[in-house]
Amino acid sequence: MWLKTATTISIIFSVVFLFAFAWVVGPRPARSAPREAQIQYLRRGAIYVGVEAFALIASIAGAYMIARSARSEYMEQSRRNMEALLEATLRDHAQKQEQDEQSTE
């Protein structure tokens, strides 16, 4: 359950953070702005891209692990269902043979 919660939070954060670009990074400095202002803008942009990439990769990894877990659960349930079907079929077959033997006597 914690994995689904963490993945959902990561996805929501990624989407909100994606649309918050203008507020997080801020306006681009003018070409005539001091070099330090331009470097700060580039740093903010690089940090933004890094955080966004990390959040998206975390979302993808979480979704992959959830899908893998669900797949193994479905495979296990499928195996149990097949075993139950085979056992029921064998019981029915044995009962039918007993009935056939009794009716021929």
Protein backbone atom coordinates (compact mmCIF):
# COMPACT_ATOMS: atom_id res chain seq x y z
CA MET A 1 0.00 0.00 0.00
CA TRP A 2 2.86 2.38 0.79
CA LEU A 3 4.25 1.88 -2.71
CA LYS A 4 0.96 2.91 -4.33
CA THR A 5 0.78 5.95 -2.06
CA ALA A 6 4.37 6.98 -2.79
CA THR A 7 3.89 6.51 -6.53
CA THR A 8 0.69 8.54 -6.53
CA ILE A 9 2.33 11.34 -4.57
CA SER A 10 5.29 11.31 -6.95
CA ILE A 11 3.03 11.52 -10.00
CA ILE A 12 1.01 14.38 -8.51
CA PHE A 13 4.21 16.21 -7.52
CA SER A 14 5.62 15.74 -11.03
CA VAL A 15 2.56 17.18 -12.72
CA VAL A 16 2.24 20.12 -10.32
CA PHE A 17 5.97 20.82 -10.50
CA LEU A 18 5.85 20.67 -14.29
CA PHE A 19 3.24 23.43 -14.43
CA ALA A 20 5.06 25.45 -11.75
CA PHE A 21 8.10 26.05 -13.96
CA ALA A 22 7.54 29.79 -14.28
CA TRP A 23 7.17 30.26 -10.54
CA VAL A 24 10.02 27.96 -9.52
CA VAL A 25 12.65 29.07 -12.01
CA GLY A 26 11.48 32.65 -12.38
CA PRO A 27 11.74 35.01 -15.32
CA ARG A 28 14.70 34.85 -17.62
CA PRO A 29 17.14 37.70 -17.08
CA ALA A 30 17.72 40.16 -19.87
CA ARG A 31 20.74 39.70 -22.11
CA SER A 32 22.18 42.86 -20.63
CA ALA A 33 21.85 41.46 -17.08
CA PRO A 34 25.02 40.72 -15.15
CA ARG A 35 26.62 37.35 -15.80
CA GLU A 36 25.97 36.28 -12.19
CA ALA A 37 22.20 36.74 -12.67
CA GLN A 38 22.30 34.62 -15.80
CA ILE A 39 24.29 31.90 -14.02
CA GLN A 40 21.80 31.87 -11.13
CA TYR A 41 18.96 31.48 -13.63
CA LEU A 42 20.77 28.54 -15.28
CA ARG A 43 21.37 26.93 -11.87
CA ARG A 44 17.70 27.24 -10.95
CA GLY A 45 16.76 25.75 -14.31
CA ALA A 46 19.22 22.87 -13.95
CA ILE A 47 18.02 22.09 -10.43
CA TYR A 48 14.42 22.24 -11.65
CA VAL A 49 15.12 19.81 -14.49
CA GLY A 50 16.98 17.47 -12.14
CA VAL A 51 14.21 17.42 -9.54
CA GLU A 52 11.55 16.94 -12.22
CA ALA A 53 13.52 14.11 -13.84
CA PHE A 54 14.00 12.41 -10.46
CA ALA A 55 10.28 12.68 -9.67
CA LEU A 56 9.31 11.27 -13.07
CA ILE A 57 11.80 8.40 -12.81
CA ALA A 58 10.54 7.63 -9.29
CA SER A 59 6.97 7.59 -10.65
CA ILE A 60 7.93 5.22 -13.45
CA ALA A 61 9.86 2.93 -11.11
CA GLY A 62 6.95 2.83 -8.66
CA ALA A 63 4.45 2.07 -11.40
CA TYR A 64 6.72 -0.71 -12.70
CA MET A 65 7.01 -2.29 -9.25
CA ILE A 66 3.25 -2.07 -8.72
CA ALA A 67 2.60 -3.72 -12.09
CA ARG A 68 5.15 -6.45 -11.39
CA SER A 69 3.60 -7.15 -8.00
CA ALA A 70 0.09 -7.27 -9.45
CA ARG A 71 1.26 -9.59 -12.22
CA SER A 72 2.76 -12.05 -9.74
CA GLU A 73 -0.43 -11.95 -7.64
CA TYR A 74 -2.55 -12.66 -10.72
CA MET A 75 -0.26 -15.51 -11.77
CA GLU A 76 -0.47 -17.07 -8.30
CA GLN A 77 -4.26 -16.74 -8.27
CA SER A 78 -4.44 -18.23 -11.76
CA ARG A 79 -2.35 -21.21 -10.58
CA ARG A 80 -4.64 -21.72 -7.56
CA ASN A 81 -7.72 -21.51 -9.78
CA MET A 82 -6.26 -24.10 -12.16
CA GLU A 83 -5.46 -26.44 -9.27
CA ALA A 84 -9.00 -26.06 -7.91
CA LEU A 85 -10.44 -26.75 -11.36
CA LEU A 86 -8.34 -29.88 -11.81
CA GLU A 87 -9.23 -31.19 -8.35
CA ALA A 88 -12.93 -30.57 -8.93
CA THR A 89 -12.73 -32.26 -12.34
CA LEU A 90 -11.00 -35.30 -10.85
CA ARG A 91 -13.61 -35.54 -8.07
CA ASP A 92 -16.44 -35.29 -10.60
CA HIS A 93 -14.79 -37.91 -12.78
CA ALA A 94 -14.38 -40.26 -9.79
CA GLN A 95 -18.00 -39.76 -8.75
CA LYS A 96 -19.19 -40.45 -12.27
CA GLN A 97 -17.15 -43.66 -12.41
CA GLU A 98 -18.64 -44.79 -9.08
CA GLN A 99 -22.14 -44.06 -10.37
CA ASP A 100 -21.44 -45.94 -13.60
CA GLU A 101 -20.12 -48.94 -11.63
CA GLN A 102 -23.16 -48.92 -9.37
CA SER A 103 -25.59 -48.65 -12.27
CA THR A 104 -23.97 -51.56 -14.14
CA GLU A 105 -24.22 -53.86 -11.12
